[in-house]
Amino acid sequence: MLKPHPTVLRRLVEEYETLTAAPATASGSRIADLAYTLCVSTGTRDVGRALATARAWLGPEDGSGTAAAAAPAAV
């Protein structure tokens, strides 16, 4: 399985999370399409697992998960 490009994967995750946060304004078919695409892209049938996998593949966006960022700043 090939991983989708990070830009595409990030856009999928962000759009899915945005639509599911405001379901009253979202199209159910669009949410289903995004869920399906996330599942296919990550090779799983579970949307929650697909989101977790996608986030793991993307990693920390701002570098906050790195050892350098976790170290206290020198004063």
Protein backbone atom coordinates (compact mmCIF):
# COMPACT_ATOMS: atom_id res chain seq x y z
CA MET A 1 0.00 0.00 0.00
CA LEU A 2 1.26 3.47 -0.86
CA LYS A 3 0.77 6.26 1.64
CA PRO A 4 -1.10 9.25 0.26
CA HIS A 5 0.82 12.51 -0.06
CA PRO A 6 0.91 14.28 3.34
CA THR A 7 -0.82 17.36 1.95
CA VAL A 8 -3.72 15.29 0.64
CA LEU A 9 -3.94 13.25 3.83
CA ARG A 10 -3.87 16.37 6.03
CA ARG A 11 -6.65 17.95 3.93
CA LEU A 12 -8.77 14.80 4.28
CA VAL A 13 -8.33 14.66 8.05
CA GLU A 14 -9.01 18.38 8.51
CA GLU A 15 -12.11 18.37 6.31
CA TYR A 16 -13.49 15.24 8.01
CA GLU A 17 -12.95 16.72 11.47
CA THR A 18 -14.48 20.06 10.43
CA LEU A 19 -17.59 18.42 8.98
CA THR A 20 -18.12 16.06 11.90
CA ALA A 21 -17.71 18.93 14.38
CA ALA A 22 -20.67 20.75 12.81
CA PRO A 23 -22.91 17.94 11.53
CA ALA A 24 -25.96 20.21 11.20
CA THR A 25 -24.32 22.07 8.33
CA ALA A 26 -22.55 19.07 6.83
CA SER A 27 -23.74 16.79 4.11
CA GLY A 28 -24.01 13.20 5.31
CA SER A 29 -22.87 11.93 1.94
CA ARG A 30 -19.75 14.16 2.06
CA ILE A 31 -18.86 12.83 5.51
CA ALA A 32 -19.36 9.27 4.26
CA ASP A 33 -17.18 9.97 1.21
CA LEU A 34 -14.40 11.38 3.39
CA ALA A 35 -14.64 8.46 5.83
CA TYR A 36 -14.43 5.99 2.95
CA THR A 37 -11.45 7.80 1.41
CA LEU A 38 -9.64 7.90 4.76
CA CYS A 39 -10.25 4.18 5.26
CA VAL A 40 -9.03 3.27 1.79
CA SER A 41 -6.02 5.58 2.10
CA THR A 42 -4.91 4.00 5.36
CA GLY A 43 -5.91 0.40 4.62
CA THR A 44 -8.46 -0.05 7.39
CA ARG A 45 -12.24 -0.37 7.66
CA ASP A 46 -12.60 1.60 10.89
CA VAL A 47 -12.83 5.40 10.62
CA GLY A 48 -11.37 5.96 14.09
CA ARG A 49 -8.39 3.77 13.28
CA ALA A 50 -8.02 5.48 9.89
CA LEU A 51 -7.88 8.90 11.58
CA ALA A 52 -5.35 7.65 14.14
CA THR A 53 -3.20 6.14 11.39
CA ALA A 54 -3.39 9.29 9.30
CA ARG A 55 -2.38 11.44 12.28
CA ALA A 56 0.53 9.10 13.05
CA TRP A 57 1.70 9.28 9.45
CA LEU A 58 1.47 13.07 9.48
CA GLY A 59 3.32 13.44 12.76
CA PRO A 60 3.43 16.62 14.80
CA GLU A 61 2.86 19.57 12.50
CA ASP A 62 4.77 22.10 14.55
CA GLY A 63 7.58 19.84 15.75
CA SER A 64 6.24 19.80 19.31
CA GLY A 65 6.61 16.04 19.49
CA THR A 66 10.35 16.13 18.92
CA ALA A 67 12.92 15.73 21.66
CA ALA A 68 14.32 19.21 20.96
CA ALA A 69 10.93 20.81 21.49
CA ALA A 70 10.33 18.81 24.65
CA ALA A 71 13.59 19.99 26.23
CA PRO A 72 13.32 23.09 28.40
CA ALA A 73 14.65 26.25 26.83
CA ALA A 74 18.00 27.47 28.07
CA VAL A 75 17.81 30.82 29.83
